[in-house]
Amino acid sequence: MNFLAHIYLSGDNDLIKIGNFMADGIRGKHFERFPPDVQKGIVLHRAIDTFTDAHPIFKESTKRLHGKFHHYSGVIVDVFYDHFLAKNWKNIPMKN
């Protein structure tokens, strides 16, 4: 759900951004039918999710919300991340 973070981490290649943005809707190896740069975006999205989901700060954040929000706690944390990213977008160094 953290779309802004995924787009930011995609760099300047629009096809990688598209792949990264649409990746949640692509299951298994179905990504192989897309152009190579879109595939890279899908693979990047999965790598970002794997890293983030295993990170101790993310785990602690979801644990704090789990009692009330259960399996939605990860989605809520993702939305928080995008909120703070959007709020501070002008202060974030952009890659060229």
PDB file of N, CA and C in Angstrom:
ATOM      1  N   MET A   1       0.801  -1.203   0.000  1.00  0.00           N
ATOM      2  CA  MET A   1       0.000   0.000   0.000  1.00  0.00           C
ATOM      3  C   MET A   1       0.839   1.261   0.000  1.00  0.00           C
ATOM      4  N   ASN A   2       2.096   1.172   0.238  1.00  0.00           N
ATOM      5  CA  ASN A   2       2.932   2.373   0.290  1.00  0.00           C
ATOM      6  C   ASN A   2       3.409   2.752  -1.107  1.00  0.00           C
ATOM      7  N   PHE A   3       2.465   3.265  -1.897  1.00  0.00           N
ATOM      8  CA  PHE A   3       2.712   3.552  -3.307  1.00  0.00           C
ATOM      9  C   PHE A   3       3.792   4.613  -3.509  1.00  0.00           C
ATOM     10  N   LEU A   4       3.770   5.678  -2.724  1.00  0.00           N
ATOM     11  CA  LEU A   4       4.760   6.732  -2.914  1.00  0.00           C
ATOM     12  C   LEU A   4       6.172   6.218  -2.669  1.00  0.00           C
ATOM     13  N   ALA A   5       6.340   5.413  -1.639  1.00  0.00           N
ATOM     14  CA  ALA A   5       7.668   4.853  -1.359  1.00  0.00           C
ATOM     15  C   ALA A   5       8.132   3.982  -2.519  1.00  0.00           C
ATOM     16  N   HIS A   6       7.249   3.173  -3.044  1.00  0.00           N
ATOM     17  CA  HIS A   6       7.618   2.310  -4.166  1.00  0.00           C
ATOM     18  C   HIS A   6       7.985   3.140  -5.407  1.00  0.00           C
ATOM     19  N   ILE A   7       7.224   4.183  -5.680  1.00  0.00           N
ATOM     20  CA  ILE A   7       7.514   5.022  -6.840  1.00  0.00           C
ATOM     21  C   ILE A   7       8.844   5.746  -6.637  1.00  0.00           C
ATOM     22  N   TYR A   8       9.060   6.281  -5.450  1.00  0.00           N
ATOM     23  CA  TYR A   8      10.313   6.983  -5.165  1.00  0.00           C
ATOM     24  C   TYR A   8      11.519   6.059  -5.364  1.00  0.00           C
ATOM     25  N   LEU A   9      11.405   4.836  -4.890  1.00  0.00           N
ATOM     26  CA  LEU A   9      12.525   3.888  -4.965  1.00  0.00           C
ATOM     27  C   LEU A   9      12.711   3.279  -6.356  1.00  0.00           C
ATOM     28  N   SER A  10      11.843   3.638  -7.300  1.00  0.00           N
ATOM     29  CA  SER A  10      11.945   3.116  -8.662  1.00  0.00           C
ATOM     30  C   SER A  10      12.945   3.875  -9.528  1.00  0.00           C
ATOM     31  N   GLY A  11      13.405   5.016  -9.086  1.00  0.00           N
ATOM     32  CA  GLY A  11      14.324   5.797  -9.905  1.00  0.00           C
ATOM     33  C   GLY A  11      13.583   6.545 -11.000  1.00  0.00           C
ATOM     34  N   ASP A  12      14.280   6.829 -12.096  1.00  0.00           N
ATOM     35  CA  ASP A  12      13.728   7.677 -13.154  1.00  0.00           C
ATOM     36  C   ASP A  12      13.109   6.917 -14.327  1.00  0.00           C
ATOM     37  N   ASN A  13      13.189   5.612 -14.341  1.00  0.00           N
ATOM     38  CA  ASN A  13      12.681   4.824 -15.456  1.00  0.00           C
ATOM     39  C   ASN A  13      11.167   4.639 -15.295  1.00  0.00           C
ATOM     40  N   ASP A  14      10.398   5.213 -16.221  1.00  0.00           N
ATOM     41  CA  ASP A  14       8.934   5.153 -16.105  1.00  0.00           C
ATOM     42  C   ASP A  14       8.389   3.731 -16.166  1.00  0.00           C
ATOM     43  N   LEU A  15       8.999   2.853 -16.955  1.00  0.00           N
ATOM     44  CA  LEU A  15       8.503   1.472 -17.035  1.00  0.00           C
ATOM     45  C   LEU A  15       8.756   0.714 -15.734  1.00  0.00           C
ATOM     46  N   ILE A  16       9.879   0.988 -15.085  1.00  0.00           N
ATOM     47  CA  ILE A  16      10.130   0.382 -13.776  1.00  0.00           C
ATOM     48  C   ILE A  16       9.117   0.907 -12.766  1.00  0.00           C
ATOM     49  N   LYS A  17       8.807   2.199 -12.836  1.00  0.00           N
ATOM     50  CA  LYS A  17       7.788   2.769 -11.949  1.00  0.00           C
ATOM     51  C   LYS A  17       6.438   2.086 -12.167  1.00  0.00           C
ATOM     52  N   ILE A  18       6.077   1.876 -13.427  1.00  0.00           N
ATOM     53  CA  ILE A  18       4.798   1.213 -13.736  1.00  0.00           C
ATOM     54  C   ILE A  18       4.784  -0.201 -13.158  1.00  0.00           C
ATOM     55  N   GLY A  19       5.846  -0.947 -13.377  1.00  0.00           N
ATOM     56  CA  GLY A  19       5.927  -2.300 -12.832  1.00  0.00           C
ATOM     57  C   GLY A  19       5.858  -2.307 -11.320  1.00  0.00           C
ATOM     58  N   ASN A  20       6.548  -1.387 -10.694  1.00  0.00           N
ATOM     59  CA  ASN A  20       6.552  -1.299  -9.238  1.00  0.00           C
ATOM     60  C   ASN A  20       5.162  -0.940  -8.718  1.00  0.00           C
ATOM     61  N   PHE A  21       4.473  -0.059  -9.429  1.00  0.00           N
ATOM     62  CA  PHE A  21       3.134   0.374  -9.020  1.00  0.00           C
ATOM     63  C   PHE A  21       2.105  -0.743  -9.153  1.00  0.00           C
ATOM     64  N   MET A  22       2.196  -1.531 -10.213  1.00  0.00           N
ATOM     65  CA  MET A  22       1.172  -2.549 -10.485  1.00  0.00           C
ATOM     66  C   MET A  22       1.484  -3.909  -9.857  1.00  0.00           C
ATOM     67  N   ALA A  23       2.610  -4.038  -9.218  1.00  0.00           N
ATOM     68  CA  ALA A  23       3.114  -5.345  -8.790  1.00  0.00           C
ATOM     69  C   ALA A  23       2.191  -6.106  -7.845  1.00  0.00           C
ATOM     70  N   ASP A  24       1.462  -5.422  -6.989  1.00  0.00           N
ATOM     71  CA  ASP A  24       0.591  -6.133  -6.045  1.00  0.00           C
ATOM     72  C   ASP A  24      -0.484  -6.960  -6.750  1.00  0.00           C
ATOM     73  N   GLY A  25      -0.819  -6.578  -7.976  1.00  0.00           N
ATOM     74  CA  GLY A  25      -1.842  -7.305  -8.721  1.00  0.00           C
ATOM     75  C   GLY A  25      -1.303  -8.430  -9.594  1.00  0.00           C
ATOM     76  N   ILE A  26       0.004  -8.649  -9.569  1.00  0.00           N
ATOM     77  CA  ILE A  26       0.635  -9.673 -10.412  1.00  0.00           C
ATOM     78  C   ILE A  26       1.092 -10.819  -9.521  1.00  0.00           C
ATOM     79  N   ARG A  27       0.605 -11.993  -9.778  1.00  0.00           N
ATOM     80  CA  ARG A  27       0.920 -13.158  -8.944  1.00  0.00           C
ATOM     81  C   ARG A  27       1.960 -14.046  -9.599  1.00  0.00           C
ATOM     82  N   GLY A  28       2.767 -14.678  -8.762  1.00  0.00           N
ATOM     83  CA  GLY A  28       3.726 -15.674  -9.216  1.00  0.00           C
ATOM     84  C   GLY A  28       4.616 -15.181 -10.338  1.00  0.00           C
ATOM     85  N   LYS A  29       4.754 -16.014 -11.356  1.00  0.00           N
ATOM     86  CA  LYS A  29       5.622 -15.687 -12.486  1.00  0.00           C
ATOM     87  C   LYS A  29       4.869 -15.031 -13.641  1.00  0.00           C
ATOM     88  N   HIS A  30       3.651 -14.595 -13.393  1.00  0.00           N
ATOM     89  CA  HIS A  30       2.875 -13.928 -14.438  1.00  0.00           C
ATOM     90  C   HIS A  30       3.545 -12.636 -14.893  1.00  0.00           C
ATOM     91  N   PHE A  31       4.493 -12.129 -14.102  1.00  0.00           N
ATOM     92  CA  PHE A  31       5.190 -10.905 -14.492  1.00  0.00           C
ATOM     93  C   PHE A  31       6.064 -11.102 -15.724  1.00  0.00           C
ATOM     94  N   GLU A  32       6.382 -12.353 -16.054  1.00  0.00           N
ATOM     95  CA  GLU A  32       7.275 -12.631 -17.177  1.00  0.00           C
ATOM     96  C   GLU A  32       6.674 -12.278 -18.535  1.00  0.00           C
ATOM     97  N   ARG A  33       5.395 -12.010 -18.589  1.00  0.00           N
ATOM     98  CA  ARG A  33       4.756 -11.659 -19.868  1.00  0.00           C
ATOM     99  C   ARG A  33       4.859 -10.159 -20.186  1.00  0.00           C
ATOM    100  N   PHE A  34       5.438  -9.394 -19.277  1.00  0.00           N
ATOM    101  CA  PHE A  34       5.569  -7.948 -19.456  1.00  0.00           C
ATOM    102  C   PHE A  34       6.944  -7.595 -20.020  1.00  0.00           C
ATOM    103  N   PRO A  35       7.087  -6.376 -20.552  1.00  0.00           N
ATOM    104  CA  PRO A  35       8.395  -5.932 -21.053  1.00  0.00           C
ATOM    105  C   PRO A  35       9.449  -5.979 -19.937  1.00  0.00           C
ATOM    106  N   PRO A  36      10.728  -6.120 -20.298  1.00  0.00           N
ATOM    107  CA  PRO A  36      11.795  -6.293 -19.307  1.00  0.00           C
ATOM    108  C   PRO A  36      11.843  -5.229 -18.208  1.00  0.00           C
ATOM    109  N   ASP A  37      11.676  -3.955 -18.549  1.00  0.00           N
ATOM    110  CA  ASP A  37      11.740  -2.932 -17.501  1.00  0.00           C
ATOM    111  C   ASP A  37      10.532  -2.974 -16.571  1.00  0.00           C
ATOM    112  N   VAL A  38       9.375  -3.348 -17.071  1.00  0.00           N
ATOM    113  CA  VAL A  38       8.199  -3.533 -16.208  1.00  0.00           C
ATOM    114  C   VAL A  38       8.463  -4.719 -15.275  1.00  0.00           C
ATOM    115  N   GLN A  39       9.050  -5.782 -15.796  1.00  0.00           N
ATOM    116  CA  GLN A  39       9.421  -6.928 -14.965  1.00  0.00           C
ATOM    117  C   GLN A  39      10.364  -6.492 -13.846  1.00  0.00           C
ATOM    118  N   LYS A  40      11.339  -5.643 -14.184  1.00  0.00           N
ATOM    119  CA  LYS A  40      12.283  -5.148 -13.174  1.00  0.00           C
ATOM    120  C   LYS A  40      11.533  -4.409 -12.066  1.00  0.00           C
ATOM    121  N   GLY A  41      10.533  -3.626 -12.444  1.00  0.00           N
ATOM    122  CA  GLY A  41       9.739  -2.907 -11.458  1.00  0.00           C
ATOM    123  C   GLY A  41       8.966  -3.842 -10.548  1.00  0.00           C
ATOM    124  N   ILE A  42       8.416  -4.899 -11.112  1.00  0.00           N
ATOM    125  CA  ILE A  42       7.669  -5.880 -10.311  1.00  0.00           C
ATOM    126  C   ILE A  42       8.605  -6.589  -9.338  1.00  0.00           C
ATOM    127  N   VAL A  43       9.764  -6.994  -9.842  1.00  0.00           N
ATOM    128  CA  VAL A  43      10.752  -7.671  -8.989  1.00  0.00           C
ATOM    129  C   VAL A  43      11.247  -6.710  -7.902  1.00  0.00           C
ATOM    130  N   LEU A  44      11.475  -5.445  -8.269  1.00  0.00           N
ATOM    131  CA  LEU A  44      11.904  -4.445  -7.292  1.00  0.00           C
ATOM    132  C   LEU A  44      10.848  -4.282  -6.205  1.00  0.00           C
ATOM    133  N   HIS A  45       9.596  -4.204  -6.595  1.00  0.00           N
ATOM    134  CA  HIS A  45       8.496  -4.072  -5.637  1.00  0.00           C
ATOM    135  C   HIS A  45       8.520  -5.222  -4.631  1.00  0.00           C
ATOM    136  N   ARG A  46       8.683  -6.419  -5.129  1.00  0.00           N
ATOM    137  CA  ARG A  46       8.720  -7.588  -4.248  1.00  0.00           C
ATOM    138  C   ARG A  46       9.915  -7.532  -3.301  1.00  0.00           C
ATOM    139  N   ALA A  47      11.051  -7.061  -3.802  1.00  0.00           N
ATOM    140  CA  ALA A  47      12.250  -6.948  -2.961  1.00  0.00           C
ATOM    141  C   ALA A  47      12.046  -5.890  -1.869  1.00  0.00           C
ATOM    142  N   ILE A  48      11.429  -4.771  -2.233  1.00  0.00           N
ATOM    143  CA  ILE A  48      11.147  -3.721  -1.248  1.00  0.00           C
ATOM    144  C   ILE A  48      10.216  -4.259  -0.171  1.00  0.00           C
ATOM    145  N   ASP A  49       9.151  -4.947  -0.580  1.00  0.00           N
ATOM    146  CA  ASP A  49       8.215  -5.516   0.394  1.00  0.00           C
ATOM    147  C   ASP A  49       8.890  -6.528   1.307  1.00  0.00           C
ATOM    148  N   THR A  50       9.734  -7.381   0.752  1.00  0.00           N
ATOM    149  CA  THR A  50      10.434  -8.378   1.552  1.00  0.00           C
ATOM    150  C   THR A  50      11.327  -7.700   2.585  1.00  0.00           C
ATOM    151  N   PHE A  51      12.077  -6.695   2.141  1.00  0.00           N
ATOM    152  CA  PHE A  51      12.958  -5.966   3.055  1.00  0.00           C
ATOM    153  C   PHE A  51      12.157  -5.267   4.150  1.00  0.00           C
ATOM    154  N   THR A  52      11.129  -4.524   3.733  1.00  0.00           N
ATOM    155  CA  THR A  52      10.330  -3.755   4.685  1.00  0.00           C
ATOM    156  C   THR A  52       9.619  -4.663   5.684  1.00  0.00           C
ATOM    157  N   ASP A  53       8.984  -5.720   5.199  1.00  0.00           N
ATOM    158  CA  ASP A  53       8.218  -6.610   6.079  1.00  0.00           C
ATOM    159  C   ASP A  53       9.097  -7.296   7.115  1.00  0.00           C
ATOM    160  N   ALA A  54      10.372  -7.503   6.801  1.00  0.00           N
ATOM    161  CA  ALA A  54      11.284  -8.167   7.730  1.00  0.00           C
ATOM    162  C   ALA A  54      12.016  -7.181   8.645  1.00  0.00           C
ATOM    163  N   HIS A  55      11.879  -5.886   8.384  1.00  0.00           N
ATOM    164  CA  HIS A  55      12.625  -4.889   9.150  1.00  0.00           C
ATOM    165  C   HIS A  55      12.070  -4.771  10.575  1.00  0.00           C
ATOM    166  N   PRO A  56      12.949  -4.728  11.580  1.00  0.00           N
ATOM    167  CA  PRO A  56      12.488  -4.668  12.975  1.00  0.00           C
ATOM    168  C   PRO A  56      11.594  -3.468  13.287  1.00  0.00           C
ATOM    169  N   ILE A  57      11.837  -2.324  12.675  1.00  0.00           N
ATOM    170  CA  ILE A  57      10.994  -1.143  12.943  1.00  0.00           C
ATOM    171  C   ILE A  57       9.583  -1.363  12.408  1.00  0.00           C
ATOM    172  N   PHE A  58       9.478  -1.939  11.208  1.00  0.00           N
ATOM    173  CA  PHE A  58       8.158  -2.231  10.649  1.00  0.00           C
ATOM    174  C   PHE A  58       7.436  -3.257  11.526  1.00  0.00           C
ATOM    175  N   LYS A  59       8.148  -4.292  11.934  1.00  0.00           N
ATOM    176  CA  LYS A  59       7.535  -5.324  12.781  1.00  0.00           C
ATOM    177  C   LYS A  59       7.033  -4.741  14.092  1.00  0.00           C
ATOM    178  N   GLU A  60       7.832  -3.870  14.704  1.00  0.00           N
ATOM    179  CA  GLU A  60       7.417  -3.236  15.958  1.00  0.00           C
ATOM    180  C   GLU A  60       6.197  -2.347  15.744  1.00  0.00           C
ATOM    181  N   SER A  61       6.181  -1.622  14.643  1.00  0.00           N
ATOM    182  CA  SER A  61       5.034  -0.757  14.339  1.00  0.00           C
ATOM    183  C   SER A  61       3.755  -1.569  14.173  1.00  0.00           C
ATOM    184  N   THR A  62       3.830  -2.658  13.424  1.00  0.00           N
ATOM    185  CA  THR A  62       2.624  -3.473  13.223  1.00  0.00           C
ATOM    186  C   THR A  62       2.197  -4.154  14.527  1.00  0.00           C
ATOM    187  N   LYS A  63       3.168  -4.519  15.341  1.00  0.00           N
ATOM    188  CA  LYS A  63       2.846  -5.155  16.629  1.00  0.00           C
ATOM    189  C   LYS A  63       2.044  -4.204  17.517  1.00  0.00           C
ATOM    190  N   ARG A  64       2.397  -2.926  17.481  1.00  0.00           N
ATOM    191  CA  ARG A  64       1.678  -1.936  18.286  1.00  0.00           C
ATOM    192  C   ARG A  64       0.221  -1.795  17.857  1.00  0.00           C
ATOM    193  N   LEU A  65      -0.049  -1.993  16.587  1.00  0.00           N
ATOM    194  CA  LEU A  65      -1.407  -1.829  16.068  1.00  0.00           C
ATOM    195  C   LEU A  65      -2.199  -3.127  16.026  1.00  0.00           C
ATOM    196  N   HIS A  66      -1.520  -4.249  16.158  1.00  0.00           N
ATOM    197  CA  HIS A  66      -2.156  -5.545  15.924  1.00  0.00           C
ATOM    198  C   HIS A  66      -3.329  -5.821  16.855  1.00  0.00           C
ATOM    199  N   GLY A  67      -3.229  -5.435  18.092  1.00  0.00           N
ATOM    200  CA  GLY A  67      -4.306  -5.708  19.049  1.00  0.00           C
ATOM    201  C   GLY A  67      -5.649  -5.169  18.614  1.00  0.00           C
ATOM    202  N   LYS A  68      -5.636  -4.014  17.989  1.00  0.00           N
ATOM    203  CA  LYS A  68      -6.895  -3.389  17.577  1.00  0.00           C
ATOM    204  C   LYS A  68      -7.227  -3.645  16.106  1.00  0.00           C
ATOM    205  N   PHE A  69      -6.202  -3.706  15.243  1.00  0.00           N
ATOM    206  CA  PHE A  69      -6.454  -3.760  13.812  1.00  0.00           C
ATOM    207  C   PHE A  69      -6.085  -5.090  13.145  1.00  0.00           C
ATOM    208  N   HIS A  70      -5.491  -5.993  13.903  1.00  0.00           N
ATOM    209  CA  HIS A  70      -5.159  -7.343  13.435  1.00  0.00           C
ATOM    210  C   HIS A  70      -4.387  -7.337  12.114  1.00  0.00           C
ATOM    211  N   HIS A  71      -4.856  -8.102  11.117  1.00  0.00           N
ATOM    212  CA  HIS A  71      -4.076  -8.249   9.885  1.00  0.00           C
ATOM    213  C   HIS A  71      -4.039  -6.974   9.040  1.00  0.00           C
ATOM    214  N   TYR A  72      -4.804  -5.963   9.402  1.00  0.00           N
ATOM    215  CA  TYR A  72      -4.745  -4.682   8.693  1.00  0.00           C
ATOM    216  C   TYR A  72      -3.610  -3.789   9.199  1.00  0.00           C
ATOM    217  N   SER A  73      -2.941  -4.191  10.256  1.00  0.00           N
ATOM    218  CA  SER A  73      -1.913  -3.333  10.849  1.00  0.00           C
ATOM    219  C   SER A  73      -0.789  -3.019   9.867  1.00  0.00           C
ATOM    220  N   GLY A  74      -0.385  -3.966   9.033  1.00  0.00           N
ATOM    221  CA  GLY A  74       0.660  -3.712   8.041  1.00  0.00           C
ATOM    222  C   GLY A  74       0.240  -2.690   7.006  1.00  0.00           C
ATOM    223  N   VAL A  75      -1.012  -2.766   6.581  1.00  0.00           N
ATOM    224  CA  VAL A  75      -1.537  -1.799   5.607  1.00  0.00           C
ATOM    225  C   VAL A  75      -1.564  -0.411   6.233  1.00  0.00           C
ATOM    226  N   ILE A  76      -1.966  -0.328   7.481  1.00  0.00           N
ATOM    227  CA  ILE A  76      -2.031   0.964   8.171  1.00  0.00           C
ATOM    228  C   ILE A  76      -0.634   1.574   8.279  1.00  0.00           C
ATOM    229  N   VAL A  77       0.347   0.766   8.633  1.00  0.00           N
ATOM    230  CA  VAL A  77       1.724   1.271   8.720  1.00  0.00           C
ATOM    231  C   VAL A  77       2.194   1.754   7.349  1.00  0.00           C
ATOM    232  N   ASP A  78       1.887   1.014   6.294  1.00  0.00           N
ATOM    233  CA  ASP A  78       2.242   1.454   4.937  1.00  0.00           C
ATOM    234  C   ASP A  78       1.630   2.816   4.614  1.00  0.00           C
ATOM    235  N   VAL A  79       0.373   3.014   4.984  1.00  0.00           N
ATOM    236  CA  VAL A  79      -0.296   4.288   4.730  1.00  0.00           C
ATOM    237  C   VAL A  79       0.379   5.401   5.536  1.00  0.00           C
ATOM    238  N   PHE A  80       0.762   5.099   6.775  1.00  0.00           N
ATOM    239  CA  PHE A  80       1.517   6.080   7.566  1.00  0.00           C
ATOM    240  C   PHE A  80       2.810   6.466   6.858  1.00  0.00           C
ATOM    241  N   TYR A  81       3.534   5.476   6.370  1.00  0.00           N
ATOM    242  CA  TYR A  81       4.789   5.763   5.667  1.00  0.00           C
ATOM    243  C   TYR A  81       4.542   6.692   4.485  1.00  0.00           C
ATOM    244  N   ASP A  82       3.529   6.405   3.693  1.00  0.00           N
ATOM    245  CA  ASP A  82       3.240   7.259   2.541  1.00  0.00           C
ATOM    246  C   ASP A  82       2.789   8.651   2.984  1.00  0.00           C
ATOM    247  N   HIS A  83       2.057   8.724   4.077  1.00  0.00           N
ATOM    248  CA  HIS A  83       1.633  10.036   4.593  1.00  0.00           C
ATOM    249  C   HIS A  83       2.852  10.887   4.915  1.00  0.00           C
ATOM    250  N   PHE A  84       3.792  10.321   5.660  1.00  0.00           N
ATOM    251  CA  PHE A  84       4.975  11.100   6.044  1.00  0.00           C
ATOM    252  C   PHE A  84       5.867  11.398   4.846  1.00  0.00           C
ATOM    253  N   LEU A  85       5.916  10.491   3.903  1.00  0.00           N
ATOM    254  CA  LEU A  85       6.669  10.731   2.679  1.00  0.00           C
ATOM    255  C   LEU A  85       6.035  11.887   1.895  1.00  0.00           C
ATOM    256  N   ALA A  86       4.721  11.885   1.752  1.00  0.00           N
ATOM    257  CA  ALA A  86       4.029  12.957   1.029  1.00  0.00           C
ATOM    258  C   ALA A  86       4.177  14.299   1.757  1.00  0.00           C
ATOM    259  N   LYS A  87       4.048  14.264   3.059  1.00  0.00           N
ATOM    260  CA  LYS A  87       4.153  15.487   3.852  1.00  0.00           C
ATOM    261  C   LYS A  87       5.535  16.105   3.752  1.00  0.00           C
ATOM    262  N   ASN A  88       6.551  15.291   3.592  1.00  0.00           N
ATOM    263  CA  ASN A  88       7.929  15.769   3.566  1.00  0.00           C
ATOM    264  C   ASN A  88       8.580  15.639   2.194  1.00  0.00           C
ATOM    265  N   TRP A  89       7.781  15.459   1.152  1.00  0.00           N
ATOM    266  CA  TRP A  89       8.296  15.190  -0.192  1.00  0.00           C
ATOM    267  C   TRP A  89       9.323  16.234  -0.638  1.00  0.00           C
ATOM    268  N   LYS A  90       9.064  17.501  -0.351  1.00  0.00           N
ATOM    269  CA  LYS A  90       9.977  18.559  -0.810  1.00  0.00           C
ATOM    270  C   LYS A  90      11.336  18.509  -0.114  1.00  0.00           C
ATOM    271  N   ASN A  91      11.428  17.814   1.004  1.00  0.00           N
ATOM    272  CA  ASN A  91      12.693  17.709   1.743  1.00  0.00           C
ATOM    273  C   ASN A  91      13.485  16.448   1.408  1.00  0.00           C
ATOM    274  N   ILE A  92      12.930  15.608   0.558  1.00  0.00           N
ATOM    275  CA  ILE A  92      13.574  14.335   0.242  1.00  0.00           C
ATOM    276  C   ILE A  92      14.467  14.530  -0.982  1.00  0.00           C
ATOM    277  N   PRO A  93      15.738  14.146  -0.873  1.00  0.00           N
ATOM    278  CA  PRO A  93      16.610  14.283  -2.048  1.00  0.00           C
ATOM    279  C   PRO A  93      16.130  13.399  -3.183  1.00  0.00           C
ATOM    280  N   MET A  94      15.982  13.970  -4.351  1.00  0.00           N
ATOM    281  CA  MET A  94      15.562  13.224  -5.532  1.00  0.00           C
ATOM    282  C   MET A  94      16.786  12.748  -6.288  1.00  0.00           C
ATOM    283  N   LYS A  95      16.688  11.533  -6.798  1.00  0.00           N
ATOM    284  CA  LYS A  95      17.765  10.966  -7.605  1.00  0.00           C
ATOM    285  C   LYS A  95      17.651  11.476  -9.030  1.00  0.00           C
ATOM    286  N   ASN A  96      18.760  11.717  -9.658  1.00  0.00           N
ATOM    287  CA  ASN A  96      18.741  12.147 -11.063  1.00  0.00           C
ATOM    288  C   ASN A  96      19.252  11.077 -11.958  1.00  0.00           C
TER     289      ASN A  96
END
